[in-house]
Amino acid sequence: MSSVDLRSGGRILVDQLALHGATHAYAVPGESYLDVLDALLDSDIALTVCRQEGGAAMMAEAHGKLTGRPGICLVTRGPGATNASAGVHVARQDSTPMLLLVGQVRRGSRGREGFQEVDYGQLFGDLAKWSVEIDDAARIPEILSRAFHVAMNGRPGPVVIALPEDVLAERLSVEDARPCRVTDPAPSPDELIAVTDLLREADRPLLVAGGSRWTPAAIENLIGLSDALSLPVATSFRRQGLFPASHPHYAGELGVGCEPGLLTCFRESDLVLLVGGRFGEMPSQGWTLLDIPSPGQTLLHVHPGVEELGRVYRADIAINCAPGAFLAPLRRAASRDPSLRERWEARCPRTTGRHTAHVAWSTPREKPGGAFDAAHAVRETSRQIGPDGIVTNGAGNYATWVHRFHPVEYVGTRLAPTSGSMGYGVPAAIAAARLHPDRPVVAFAGDGCFLMHGQEFATAVQHELPIVVIVLDNGMYGTIRMHQERHYPGRVSGTTLVNPDFAAYARAFGGHGERVERTAEFAPALERALASPLPAIVHCLTDPERITVDGTLTELREASARDR
């Protein structure tokens, strides 16, 4: 065997990543995987060097959301892996393909509680779709191939691979695997006939689009199906972009702070078609919209993960496939069936009326001027970045303004965690800017949310990514304060924050900073931030009294007092 044929385990691993289509990796370096870092130098995989493993993992998760291919995250053992667990949780709950590659102690040190040793099978047992440790460098191609297949097939999710340091250093000759291909089951002819029959009979149908595994072709077929049947389409929690907000059949988003009229529409529907999503706690409004286990409405559930079908809801028809494999043949069947077309006129008033109500609800009511108005800031952001701009956010009450007032037209232009993880917006914006350097990328963050991973602003500066972060600063953990005032009015505990000057923070890192105190100041500040070649922060001082879009802290306290 020639030494020319020998590759290190780290080189073999990087070659497998490239073979399976990886183009980017997000990492915090560690001595436990030096061989991988070295091999990346000679690859075409772009490495984004991050400041904390949680941020790196969230970047990889956002990459998976945007591409449908596993985002790659590289972290070191022990604290590196535990820091990254927040991003793994996002990938799990958001059904996003992702690979977390973790350095591990040498094989001879395992079981002795070596330096930073962790049992990753136990650590990630409930978080990851699969967790494995590679004992033999010769099996790297096999295990990487399986990891990509597991991450992408069925309900997508995160896979964790532990890499002992000596396995990565070992040199050997081994064949590469074949590129991963996703298995895509399709509905049977009988299932399509049954769905078509139920759609024909329904007077008040509603389609809810959610989950992952969506493609531009699937969305085109969803729009075509809605057009053919005058079918109202709602998007699930933080899945805006699966249906154009401007389409006359868009019914709104089923999420936190949901429009009351949409909830009424759902409850009055005689048929609900769930496509792609699990319809978990947030879109179901705390499991209240559908009776469990047997819904009162006719329920059709389409999901790529067979384990999800029937797990909570007993559907009248449950179909195991991805959205695209279901919508394409159903659209063809609907366009050929004149009896389905006849239902269009009867349904049209309800469908278009629902959209009209949604537009009215999502239009800012207050006029610009005076103190800072977050609703108008969100709308102004939408105007300046256009429909191709990408908007991200993490979690917090501030996000309700973004969800309500930022209309989303295209898939891949909206990134937010259905898991409700704080700190997501900035890392997600960095991943989006790495993938789409020609498009404006804006992250919204609360003051508490921003400082969860605000240090990743340094990553944006280092990689010359001109993202804009809009920090809505009310000096508190707003969501927790809201709940606190409802249950313990006037008794503030643990929710007050003292914040830095975030504009100065941006400049300290080498970025562009703006400070905004009044509505009229926002548009020019954002325009300057977007025009800057530097990453930017627009620090917006918001009124802490305005705790939600429609309510104040005083109103919460008064309502709580009346209820006592």
Protein backbone atom coordinates (compact mmCIF):
# COMPACT_ATOMS: atom_id res chain seq x y z
CA MET A 1 0.00 0.00 0.00
CA SER A 2 1.47 3.35 -1.04
CA SER A 3 1.63 6.15 1.51
CA VAL A 4 0.01 8.30 -1.17
CA ASP A 5 -3.20 6.29 -0.74
CA LEU A 6 -3.33 6.91 2.99
CA ARG A 7 -5.59 9.56 4.47
CA SER A 8 -6.04 10.67 8.05
CA GLY A 9 -9.38 10.06 9.68
CA GLY A 10 -9.91 13.82 9.65
CA ARG A 11 -9.24 13.96 5.91
CA ILE A 12 -11.61 11.05 5.27
CA LEU A 13 -14.32 12.79 7.27
CA VAL A 14 -13.95 16.09 5.39
CA ASP A 15 -13.99 14.23 2.07
CA GLN A 16 -17.28 12.59 3.07
CA LEU A 17 -18.80 15.94 4.00
CA ALA A 18 -17.91 17.31 0.58
CA LEU A 19 -19.12 14.18 -1.19
CA HIS A 20 -22.54 14.51 0.45
CA GLY A 21 -22.84 18.13 -0.64
CA ALA A 22 -21.63 20.16 2.35
CA THR A 23 -20.46 23.64 1.32
CA HIS A 24 -20.17 25.38 4.69
CA ALA A 25 -19.20 24.46 8.24
CA TYR A 26 -19.66 26.50 11.42
CA ALA A 27 -17.14 25.91 14.17
CA VAL A 28 -15.44 26.86 17.39
CA PRO A 29 -11.98 25.26 17.14
CA GLY A 30 -10.73 22.68 19.63
CA GLU A 31 -7.63 20.56 20.07
CA SER A 32 -9.77 17.44 19.95
CA TYR A 33 -10.34 17.72 16.20
CA LEU A 34 -7.19 19.38 14.84
CA ASP A 35 -7.00 16.83 12.00
CA VAL A 36 -10.41 17.94 10.74
CA LEU A 37 -9.44 21.62 10.89
CA ASP A 38 -6.29 20.83 8.94
CA ALA A 39 -8.19 18.88 6.28
CA LEU A 40 -10.67 21.73 5.82
CA LEU A 41 -7.79 23.92 4.59
CA ASP A 42 -7.53 21.84 1.43
CA SER A 43 -11.29 21.51 0.84
CA ASP A 44 -13.87 23.71 -0.83
CA ILE A 45 -15.95 23.82 2.38
CA ALA A 46 -16.17 27.39 3.68
CA LEU A 47 -15.40 27.54 7.40
CA THR A 48 -17.17 30.14 9.58
CA VAL A 49 -15.24 30.67 12.80
CA CYS A 50 -17.65 31.42 15.65
CA ARG A 51 -17.34 32.73 19.20
CA GLN A 52 -19.52 30.27 21.11
CA GLU A 53 -20.70 26.78 20.27
CA GLY A 54 -24.37 27.59 20.80
CA GLY A 55 -24.10 30.27 18.14
CA ALA A 56 -22.24 27.91 15.79
CA ALA A 57 -24.93 25.24 16.20
CA MET A 58 -27.71 27.76 15.53
CA MET A 59 -25.89 28.88 12.37
CA ALA A 60 -25.75 25.27 11.22
CA GLU A 61 -29.44 24.85 11.99
CA ALA A 62 -30.32 27.99 10.02
CA HIS A 63 -28.20 26.68 7.14
CA GLY A 64 -30.27 23.47 7.21
CA LYS A 65 -33.51 25.48 7.16
CA LEU A 66 -32.37 27.49 4.14
CA THR A 67 -30.96 24.64 2.06
CA GLY A 68 -32.80 21.48 3.12
CA ARG A 69 -29.33 19.90 3.49
CA PRO A 70 -27.68 19.25 6.86
CA GLY A 71 -25.92 22.23 8.35
CA ILE A 72 -22.48 21.21 9.65
CA CYS A 73 -21.30 22.26 13.12
CA LEU A 74 -17.88 21.39 14.55
CA VAL A 75 -17.21 21.72 18.27
CA THR A 76 -14.78 20.37 20.81
CA ARG A 77 -15.51 17.89 23.58
CA GLY A 78 -17.15 18.54 26.95
CA PRO A 79 -18.13 22.20 27.34
CA GLY A 80 -18.06 22.66 23.57
CA ALA A 81 -20.70 19.98 23.13
CA THR A 82 -22.87 21.14 26.04
CA ASN A 83 -22.81 24.71 24.72
CA ALA A 84 -23.92 23.42 21.30
CA SER A 85 -26.87 21.53 22.76
CA ALA A 86 -29.11 24.62 22.48
CA GLY A 87 -28.75 24.54 18.69
CA VAL A 88 -29.36 20.80 18.61
CA HIS A 89 -32.63 21.36 20.48
CA VAL A 90 -33.69 23.94 17.89
CA ALA A 91 -32.95 21.49 15.08
CA ARG A 92 -34.92 18.76 16.83
CA GLN A 93 -38.07 20.78 17.46
CA ASP A 94 -37.87 22.59 14.12
CA SER A 95 -37.35 19.36 12.13
CA THR A 96 -34.13 20.65 10.57
CA PRO A 97 -31.35 18.45 9.13
CA MET A 98 -28.08 19.08 10.95
CA LEU A 99 -24.82 17.31 11.80
CA LEU A 100 -23.01 18.13 15.04
CA LEU A 101 -19.46 16.76 14.92
CA VAL A 102 -17.91 16.65 18.38
CA GLY A 103 -14.30 16.00 19.28
CA GLN A 104 -13.86 13.24 21.86
CA VAL A 105 -11.11 11.98 24.14
CA ARG A 106 -8.80 9.30 22.80
CA ARG A 107 -10.20 5.79 22.84
CA GLY A 108 -7.76 4.68 25.54
CA SER A 109 -9.03 7.38 27.90
CA ARG A 110 -12.72 6.58 27.63
CA GLY A 111 -14.51 5.47 30.77
CA ARG A 112 -11.93 7.08 33.06
CA GLU A 113 -13.56 10.52 33.09
CA GLY A 114 -10.77 11.86 30.96
CA PHE A 115 -10.28 15.57 30.39
CA GLN A 116 -13.64 16.97 29.19
CA GLU A 117 -14.99 13.45 28.58
CA VAL A 118 -18.75 13.13 28.07
CA ASP A 119 -20.96 10.21 27.05
CA TYR A 120 -22.62 11.84 24.04
CA GLY A 121 -25.12 9.04 23.59
CA GLN A 122 -26.60 9.88 26.99
CA LEU A 123 -26.18 13.63 26.63
CA PHE A 124 -27.98 13.85 23.29
CA GLY A 125 -30.23 10.83 23.62
CA ASP A 126 -33.49 12.83 23.67
CA LEU A 127 -32.26 15.79 21.62
CA ALA A 128 -30.74 14.13 18.57
CA LYS A 129 -32.38 11.96 15.98
CA TRP A 130 -29.29 9.73 16.20
CA SER A 131 -26.13 9.91 18.29
CA VAL A 132 -23.07 7.76 17.56
CA GLU A 133 -19.37 7.56 18.35
CA ILE A 134 -16.90 6.35 15.71
CA ASP A 135 -14.56 3.68 17.07
CA ASP A 136 -12.87 2.71 13.82
CA ALA A 137 -11.59 5.19 11.23
CA ALA A 138 -12.37 2.67 8.48
CA ARG A 139 -16.08 3.16 9.25
CA ILE A 140 -16.08 6.94 8.81
CA PRO A 141 -17.54 6.78 5.24
CA GLU A 142 -20.24 4.33 6.37
CA ILE A 143 -21.27 6.33 9.44
CA LEU A 144 -21.20 9.70 7.68
CA SER A 145 -23.38 8.28 4.92
CA ARG A 146 -25.87 6.98 7.45
CA ALA A 147 -25.79 10.29 9.33
CA PHE A 148 -26.77 12.27 6.22
CA HIS A 149 -29.55 9.80 5.42
CA VAL A 150 -30.91 9.89 8.97
CA ALA A 151 -30.73 13.70 9.16
CA MET A 152 -32.58 14.22 5.85
CA ASN A 153 -35.08 11.37 5.53
CA GLY A 154 -38.52 11.20 7.11
CA ARG A 155 -38.88 13.98 9.65
CA PRO A 156 -35.48 15.72 9.38
CA GLY A 157 -33.44 16.33 12.49
CA PRO A 158 -30.00 16.59 14.10
CA VAL A 159 -27.40 13.82 14.20
CA VAL A 160 -24.50 13.94 16.67
CA ILE A 161 -21.22 12.17 15.84
CA ALA A 162 -18.47 11.89 18.45
CA LEU A 163 -14.95 11.73 17.01
CA PRO A 164 -12.19 10.34 19.24
CA GLU A 165 -9.00 12.30 18.71
CA ASP A 166 -6.88 9.25 17.82
CA VAL A 167 -9.48 8.05 15.28
CA LEU A 168 -9.10 11.36 13.44
CA ALA A 169 -5.28 11.08 13.53
CA GLU A 170 -5.17 7.49 12.26
CA ARG A 171 -3.99 7.09 8.64
CA LEU A 172 -5.47 4.42 6.42
CA SER A 173 -6.86 3.64 2.97
CA VAL A 174 -10.63 3.35 2.66
CA GLU A 175 -13.21 3.84 -0.11
CA ASP A 176 -15.58 6.78 -0.04
CA ALA A 177 -19.33 6.26 0.23
CA ARG A 178 -21.84 7.20 -2.44
CA PRO A 179 -23.59 10.59 -2.24
CA CYS A 180 -26.69 10.66 -0.06
CA ARG A 181 -30.09 10.55 -1.75
CA VAL A 182 -33.36 11.25 0.03
CA THR A 183 -36.03 8.57 -0.10
CA ASP A 184 -39.36 10.18 -0.94
CA PRO A 185 -42.51 8.02 -0.58
CA ALA A 186 -45.60 9.16 -2.44
CA PRO A 187 -49.36 8.87 -1.71
CA SER A 188 -51.15 5.93 -3.28
CA PRO A 189 -53.86 6.45 -5.94
CA ASP A 190 -56.49 5.32 -3.43
CA GLU A 191 -55.32 7.87 -0.87
CA LEU A 192 -55.49 10.67 -3.44
CA ILE A 193 -59.01 9.63 -4.46
CA ALA A 194 -60.10 9.60 -0.82
CA VAL A 195 -58.62 13.05 -0.18
CA THR A 196 -60.23 14.43 -3.33
CA ASP A 197 -63.62 13.04 -2.30
CA LEU A 198 -63.40 14.67 1.13
CA LEU A 199 -62.34 18.00 -0.35
CA ARG A 200 -65.31 17.87 -2.70
CA GLU A 201 -67.71 17.32 0.20
CA ALA A 202 -66.27 19.99 2.51
CA ASP A 203 -68.00 23.36 2.80
CA ARG A 204 -65.44 25.12 4.99
CA PRO A 205 -62.00 23.52 4.43
CA LEU A 206 -58.73 24.96 5.76
CA LEU A 207 -55.19 23.93 4.84
CA VAL A 208 -52.38 24.45 7.37
CA ALA A 209 -48.82 24.34 6.01
CA GLY A 210 -45.98 23.64 8.41
CA GLY A 211 -42.92 21.58 9.16
CA SER A 212 -39.94 21.15 6.85
CA ARG A 213 -39.07 19.28 3.62
CA TRP A 214 -40.64 22.11 1.57
CA THR A 215 -39.23 23.04 -1.83
CA PRO A 216 -40.04 25.90 -4.23
CA ALA A 217 -41.87 23.35 -6.42
CA ALA A 218 -43.95 22.17 -3.45
CA ILE A 219 -44.95 25.75 -2.64
CA GLU A 220 -45.84 26.39 -6.28
CA ASN A 221 -48.13 23.36 -6.17
CA LEU A 222 -49.62 24.52 -2.86
CA ILE A 223 -50.48 27.87 -4.43
CA GLY A 224 -51.90 26.12 -7.50
CA LEU A 225 -54.04 23.81 -5.35
CA SER A 226 -55.36 26.75 -3.34
CA ASP A 227 -56.18 28.61 -6.55
CA ALA A 228 -58.01 25.62 -8.03
CA LEU A 229 -60.17 25.00 -4.94
CA SER A 230 -60.43 28.49 -3.40
CA LEU A 231 -58.76 26.89 -0.41
CA PRO A 232 -57.68 29.19 2.47
CA VAL A 233 -54.12 28.47 3.60
CA ALA A 234 -52.73 29.24 7.04
CA THR A 235 -49.09 28.77 7.97
CA SER A 236 -48.02 27.10 11.18
CA PHE A 237 -46.07 28.83 13.95
CA ARG A 238 -42.96 30.51 12.51
CA ARG A 239 -43.44 28.88 9.10
CA GLN A 240 -44.32 32.11 7.32
CA GLY A 241 -42.97 31.94 3.80
CA LEU A 242 -44.64 28.64 2.95
CA PHE A 243 -47.44 30.70 1.36
CA PRO A 244 -47.22 34.29 0.06
CA ALA A 245 -48.66 36.84 2.49
CA SER A 246 -50.03 38.89 -0.41
CA HIS A 247 -51.99 36.00 -1.92
CA PRO A 248 -55.76 36.51 -1.61
CA HIS A 249 -56.08 33.02 -0.09
CA TYR A 250 -53.56 33.55 2.73
CA ALA A 251 -55.38 33.14 6.05
CA GLY A 252 -52.59 34.07 8.49
CA GLU A 253 -50.16 32.44 10.90
CA LEU A 254 -51.26 30.04 13.62
CA GLY A 255 -48.86 30.98 16.39
CA VAL A 256 -48.32 33.05 19.50
CA GLY A 257 -50.56 36.12 19.64
CA CYS A 258 -52.68 34.68 16.87
CA GLU A 259 -55.40 36.72 15.20
CA PRO A 260 -58.72 35.78 16.89
CA GLY A 261 -60.52 35.63 13.56
CA LEU A 262 -58.15 32.94 12.31
CA LEU A 263 -58.86 30.83 15.38
CA THR A 264 -62.59 31.19 14.70
CA CYS A 265 -62.01 30.18 11.08
CA PHE A 266 -60.14 27.08 12.23
CA ARG A 267 -62.78 26.04 14.74
CA GLU A 268 -65.57 26.54 12.19
CA SER A 269 -63.80 24.52 9.49
CA ASP A 270 -65.40 21.19 8.67
CA LEU A 271 -62.17 19.82 7.16
CA VAL A 272 -58.58 20.57 8.20
CA LEU A 273 -55.71 19.50 5.98
CA LEU A 274 -52.37 19.55 7.84
CA VAL A 275 -49.46 19.38 5.39
CA GLY A 276 -45.89 18.92 6.61
CA GLY A 277 -46.25 19.91 10.27
CA ARG A 278 -46.84 18.15 13.58
CA PHE A 279 -49.36 20.79 14.74
CA GLY A 280 -47.71 21.00 18.13
CA GLU A 281 -48.41 23.07 21.20
CA MET A 282 -47.90 26.56 19.74
CA PRO A 283 -49.93 26.35 16.50
CA SER A 284 -52.64 24.32 18.26
CA GLN A 285 -52.94 27.04 20.93
CA GLY A 286 -51.99 24.72 23.76
CA TRP A 287 -53.63 21.63 22.23
CA THR A 288 -57.05 23.30 22.15
CA LEU A 289 -57.86 23.67 18.43
CA LEU A 290 -58.24 19.96 17.71
CA ASP A 291 -59.73 17.46 20.16
CA ILE A 292 -57.25 14.77 21.23
CA PRO A 293 -57.09 12.03 20.19
CA SER A 294 -60.12 12.28 17.88
CA PRO A 295 -60.69 15.72 16.31
CA GLY A 296 -64.23 16.96 15.82
CA GLN A 297 -63.48 18.03 12.24
CA THR A 298 -62.46 15.79 9.38
CA LEU A 299 -58.68 15.70 9.64
CA LEU A 300 -56.23 14.87 6.86
CA HIS A 301 -52.62 14.72 8.02
CA VAL A 302 -49.64 14.59 5.65
CA HIS A 303 -46.23 14.23 7.27
CA PRO A 304 -42.84 12.83 6.14
CA GLY A 305 -42.25 11.09 9.49
CA VAL A 306 -44.41 8.01 9.87
CA GLU A 307 -43.87 8.06 13.64
CA GLU A 308 -45.72 11.40 13.83
CA LEU A 309 -48.89 10.16 12.15
CA GLY A 310 -51.39 9.15 14.83
CA ARG A 311 -49.01 10.05 17.65
CA VAL A 312 -51.28 12.84 18.94
CA TYR A 313 -54.18 13.18 16.50
CA ARG A 314 -56.17 10.33 14.94
CA ALA A 315 -56.59 11.57 11.38
CA ASP A 316 -59.34 10.39 9.04
CA ILE A 317 -56.60 9.97 6.45
CA ALA A 318 -52.91 9.91 7.39
CA ILE A 319 -50.39 9.98 4.55
CA ASN A 320 -46.68 9.40 5.03
CA CYS A 321 -44.81 11.60 2.56
CA ALA A 322 -43.15 14.99 2.17
CA PRO A 323 -45.28 18.00 1.17
CA GLY A 324 -44.08 18.06 -2.43
CA ALA A 325 -44.83 14.39 -3.07
CA PHE A 326 -48.41 14.96 -1.88
CA LEU A 327 -49.24 18.34 -3.39
CA ALA A 328 -48.10 17.73 -6.97
CA PRO A 329 -50.47 14.82 -7.74
CA LEU A 330 -53.31 16.36 -5.70
CA ARG A 331 -53.05 19.59 -7.67
CA ARG A 332 -53.17 17.64 -10.94
CA ALA A 333 -56.23 15.72 -9.75
CA ALA A 334 -57.99 18.91 -8.62
CA SER A 335 -57.34 20.69 -11.93
CA ARG A 336 -58.89 17.78 -13.85
CA ASP A 337 -61.99 17.39 -11.67
CA PRO A 338 -64.82 19.76 -12.75
CA SER A 339 -66.87 18.94 -9.65
CA LEU A 340 -64.06 20.26 -7.45
CA ARG A 341 -63.85 23.39 -9.55
CA GLU A 342 -67.57 23.96 -9.01
CA ARG A 343 -66.92 24.28 -5.28
CA TRP A 344 -64.68 27.29 -5.95
CA GLU A 345 -67.46 29.87 -6.21
CA ALA A 346 -69.18 28.68 -3.03
CA ARG A 347 -65.95 28.88 -1.01
CA CYS A 348 -64.57 32.09 -2.51
CA PRO A 349 -66.28 34.65 -0.21
CA ARG A 350 -65.10 32.90 2.94
CA THR A 351 -61.55 32.51 1.61
CA THR A 352 -61.07 36.06 0.40
CA GLY A 353 -62.88 37.48 3.43
CA ARG A 354 -60.43 35.67 5.70
CA HIS A 355 -57.50 37.23 3.83
CA THR A 356 -59.04 40.69 4.03
CA ALA A 357 -59.41 40.33 7.78
CA HIS A 358 -55.81 39.16 8.09
CA VAL A 359 -54.51 42.15 6.12
CA ALA A 360 -56.45 44.56 8.34
CA TRP A 361 -55.14 42.88 11.51
CA SER A 362 -51.51 42.93 10.30
CA THR A 363 -51.52 46.59 9.25
CA PRO A 364 -50.07 49.00 11.86
CA ARG A 365 -52.78 51.21 13.32
CA GLU A 366 -50.85 53.88 15.15
CA LYS A 367 -49.37 56.79 13.22
CA PRO A 368 -45.60 57.42 13.13
CA GLY A 369 -44.16 60.09 15.38
CA GLY A 370 -43.84 60.50 19.10
CA ALA A 371 -42.23 57.68 21.05
CA PHE A 372 -40.78 54.69 19.23
CA ASP A 373 -43.40 52.50 17.54
CA ALA A 374 -42.16 48.97 16.86
CA ALA A 375 -44.98 48.16 14.45
CA HIS A 376 -43.97 50.93 12.07
CA ALA A 377 -40.30 50.00 12.45
CA VAL A 378 -41.08 46.45 11.33
CA ARG A 379 -43.09 47.69 8.34
CA GLU A 380 -40.37 50.17 7.40
CA THR A 381 -37.81 47.35 7.52
CA SER A 382 -39.97 45.30 5.17
CA ARG A 383 -40.19 48.23 2.79
CA GLN A 384 -36.46 48.91 2.74
CA ILE A 385 -35.23 45.32 2.30
CA GLY A 386 -37.96 44.25 -0.13
CA PRO A 387 -39.56 40.81 -0.47
CA ASP A 388 -36.20 39.10 -1.22
CA GLY A 389 -34.62 40.35 2.00
CA ILE A 390 -34.13 37.83 4.80
CA VAL A 391 -35.47 38.48 8.31
CA THR A 392 -34.49 36.46 11.38
CA ASN A 393 -35.38 36.60 15.04
CA GLY A 394 -35.06 34.64 18.25
CA ALA A 395 -37.64 34.52 21.04
CA GLY A 396 -39.33 37.10 23.20
CA ASN A 397 -42.37 39.37 23.20
CA TYR A 398 -40.67 41.65 20.66
CA ALA A 399 -41.07 38.87 18.09
CA THR A 400 -44.85 39.27 18.07
CA TRP A 401 -44.40 42.61 16.30
CA VAL A 402 -42.20 40.95 13.68
CA HIS A 403 -44.62 38.07 13.07
CA ARG A 404 -47.63 40.32 12.85
CA PHE A 405 -46.33 43.24 10.78
CA HIS A 406 -43.65 41.77 8.50
CA PRO A 407 -45.32 40.17 5.45
CA VAL A 408 -43.37 37.19 4.06
CA GLU A 409 -43.61 36.36 0.37
CA TYR A 410 -41.03 33.68 -0.30
CA VAL A 411 -39.70 30.55 1.35
CA GLY A 412 -36.24 31.04 2.84
CA THR A 413 -36.76 34.71 3.66
CA ARG A 414 -37.90 34.13 7.26
CA LEU A 415 -35.89 32.30 9.91
CA ALA A 416 -37.15 31.87 13.47
CA PRO A 417 -37.08 28.96 15.95
CA THR A 418 -40.33 27.12 16.56
CA SER A 419 -38.59 25.85 19.70
CA GLY A 420 -38.72 29.37 21.15
CA SER A 421 -34.96 29.58 21.68
CA MET A 422 -33.55 32.97 22.62
CA GLY A 423 -30.37 34.13 20.92
CA TYR A 424 -31.23 32.62 17.53
CA GLY A 425 -31.59 35.75 15.39
CA VAL A 426 -27.95 36.87 15.10
CA PRO A 427 -26.47 33.41 14.35
CA ALA A 428 -29.25 32.73 11.84
CA ALA A 429 -28.57 36.06 10.12
CA ILE A 430 -24.88 35.17 9.81
CA ALA A 431 -25.68 31.82 8.20
CA ALA A 432 -28.12 33.53 5.82
CA ALA A 433 -25.50 36.13 4.86
CA ARG A 434 -22.93 33.39 4.23
CA LEU A 435 -25.33 31.65 1.86
CA HIS A 436 -26.81 34.79 0.26
CA PRO A 437 -24.18 37.56 0.29
CA ASP A 438 -26.11 39.50 -2.37
CA ARG A 439 -29.29 39.92 -0.28
CA PRO A 440 -30.06 42.17 2.70
CA VAL A 441 -30.25 40.26 5.98
CA VAL A 442 -31.85 41.77 9.08
CA ALA A 443 -32.07 40.20 12.53
CA PHE A 444 -34.59 41.42 15.09
CA ALA A 445 -33.68 40.83 18.73
CA GLY A 446 -34.85 41.90 22.14
CA ASP A 447 -32.24 43.19 24.56
CA GLY A 448 -32.28 39.92 26.48
CA CYS A 449 -32.36 37.83 23.32
CA PHE A 450 -29.48 39.70 21.68
CA LEU A 451 -27.04 39.18 24.53
CA MET A 452 -27.58 35.41 24.49
CA HIS A 453 -25.39 35.26 21.36
CA GLY A 454 -24.54 38.90 20.76
CA GLN A 455 -20.83 38.03 20.71
CA GLU A 456 -21.42 36.46 17.29
CA PHE A 457 -21.56 40.05 16.00
CA ALA A 458 -17.77 39.66 16.06
CA THR A 459 -18.17 36.71 13.68
CA ALA A 460 -20.08 38.95 11.26
CA VAL A 461 -17.29 41.53 11.45
CA GLN A 462 -14.56 38.92 10.95
CA HIS A 463 -16.25 37.44 7.88
CA GLU A 464 -17.31 40.85 6.52
CA LEU A 465 -21.03 40.05 6.57
CA PRO A 466 -23.06 43.30 6.50
CA ILE A 467 -26.02 42.04 8.49
CA VAL A 468 -28.19 44.54 10.35
CA VAL A 469 -29.35 43.73 13.89
CA ILE A 470 -32.34 45.71 15.16
CA VAL A 471 -32.29 45.54 18.97
CA LEU A 472 -35.64 46.40 20.57
CA ASP A 473 -34.59 47.37 24.09
CA ASN A 474 -37.20 47.62 26.85
CA GLY A 475 -34.80 46.79 29.70
CA MET A 476 -36.38 43.50 30.68
CA TYR A 477 -37.05 39.89 29.85
CA GLY A 478 -40.40 40.91 28.39
CA THR A 479 -42.13 37.57 27.98
CA ILE A 480 -41.38 36.54 31.56
CA ARG A 481 -42.43 39.97 32.86
CA MET A 482 -45.72 39.60 30.98
CA HIS A 483 -46.46 36.27 32.67
CA GLN A 484 -45.22 37.63 35.98
CA GLU A 485 -47.63 40.58 35.86
CA ARG A 486 -50.51 38.27 34.99
CA HIS A 487 -49.92 35.92 37.90
CA TYR A 488 -48.06 38.12 40.44
CA PRO A 489 -49.04 41.71 39.53
CA GLY A 490 -46.62 44.35 40.69
CA ARG A 491 -44.18 41.82 42.15
CA VAL A 492 -41.17 42.11 39.83
CA SER A 493 -38.57 39.43 40.37
CA GLY A 494 -35.63 38.53 38.15
CA THR A 495 -36.82 40.19 34.96
CA THR A 496 -35.19 43.64 35.05
CA LEU A 497 -32.09 44.16 32.86
CA VAL A 498 -29.37 46.79 32.77
CA ASN A 499 -28.09 47.07 29.21
CA PRO A 500 -25.11 48.60 27.43
CA ASP A 501 -25.27 51.14 24.61
CA PHE A 502 -25.74 48.64 21.80
CA ALA A 503 -24.74 51.15 19.12
CA ALA A 504 -21.43 51.66 20.93
CA TYR A 505 -21.17 47.87 21.26
CA ALA A 506 -21.36 47.60 17.47
CA ARG A 507 -18.67 50.22 16.97
CA ALA A 508 -16.42 48.55 19.56
CA PHE A 509 -16.44 45.38 17.45
CA GLY A 510 -15.66 47.34 14.27
CA GLY A 511 -19.22 47.63 13.03
CA HIS A 512 -21.72 50.41 12.40
CA GLY A 513 -23.99 51.62 15.23
CA GLU A 514 -27.20 53.66 15.32
CA ARG A 515 -29.36 54.74 18.27
CA VAL A 516 -33.10 55.38 17.82
CA GLU A 517 -35.48 56.83 20.41
CA ARG A 518 -38.40 58.04 18.27
CA THR A 519 -40.30 56.56 15.34
CA ALA A 520 -39.26 59.31 12.94
CA GLU A 521 -35.59 58.51 13.54
CA PHE A 522 -35.87 54.87 12.53
CA ALA A 523 -36.16 55.00 8.72
CA PRO A 524 -33.02 57.10 8.12
CA ALA A 525 -31.08 55.10 10.73
CA LEU A 526 -32.00 51.82 9.05
CA GLU A 527 -31.17 53.25 5.64
CA ARG A 528 -27.69 54.21 6.85
CA ALA A 529 -27.20 50.79 8.45
CA LEU A 530 -28.20 48.94 5.28
CA ALA A 531 -25.96 51.17 3.17
CA SER A 532 -22.95 50.56 5.40
CA PRO A 533 -20.51 47.88 4.22
CA LEU A 534 -20.09 46.91 7.88
CA PRO A 535 -22.28 44.76 10.13
CA ALA A 536 -24.59 47.13 11.96
CA ILE A 537 -26.73 47.40 15.08
CA VAL A 538 -29.73 49.73 15.26
CA HIS A 539 -30.42 50.19 18.97
CA CYS A 540 -34.10 51.08 19.47
CA LEU A 541 -35.28 52.29 22.88
CA THR A 542 -38.82 50.98 23.42
CA ASP A 543 -41.37 51.81 26.09
CA PRO A 544 -41.34 49.04 28.75
CA GLU A 545 -45.00 49.78 29.43
CA ARG A 546 -45.91 48.49 25.93
CA ILE A 547 -45.44 44.82 26.79
CA THR A 548 -47.42 43.37 23.85
CA VAL A 549 -48.74 44.66 20.53
CA ASP A 550 -52.19 45.23 22.01
CA GLY A 551 -51.56 45.58 25.74
CA THR A 552 -49.63 47.37 28.49
CA LEU A 553 -48.20 46.35 31.84
CA THR A 554 -50.80 48.50 33.59
CA GLU A 555 -53.62 46.76 31.76
CA LEU A 556 -52.19 43.37 32.73
CA ARG A 557 -52.04 44.34 36.41
CA GLU A 558 -55.57 45.74 36.34
CA ALA A 559 -56.93 42.63 34.62
CA SER A 560 -55.16 40.40 37.14
CA ALA A 561 -56.60 42.42 40.03
CA ARG A 562 -60.13 42.05 38.61
CA ASP A 563 -59.70 38.29 38.34
CA ARG A 564 -58.59 37.88 41.94
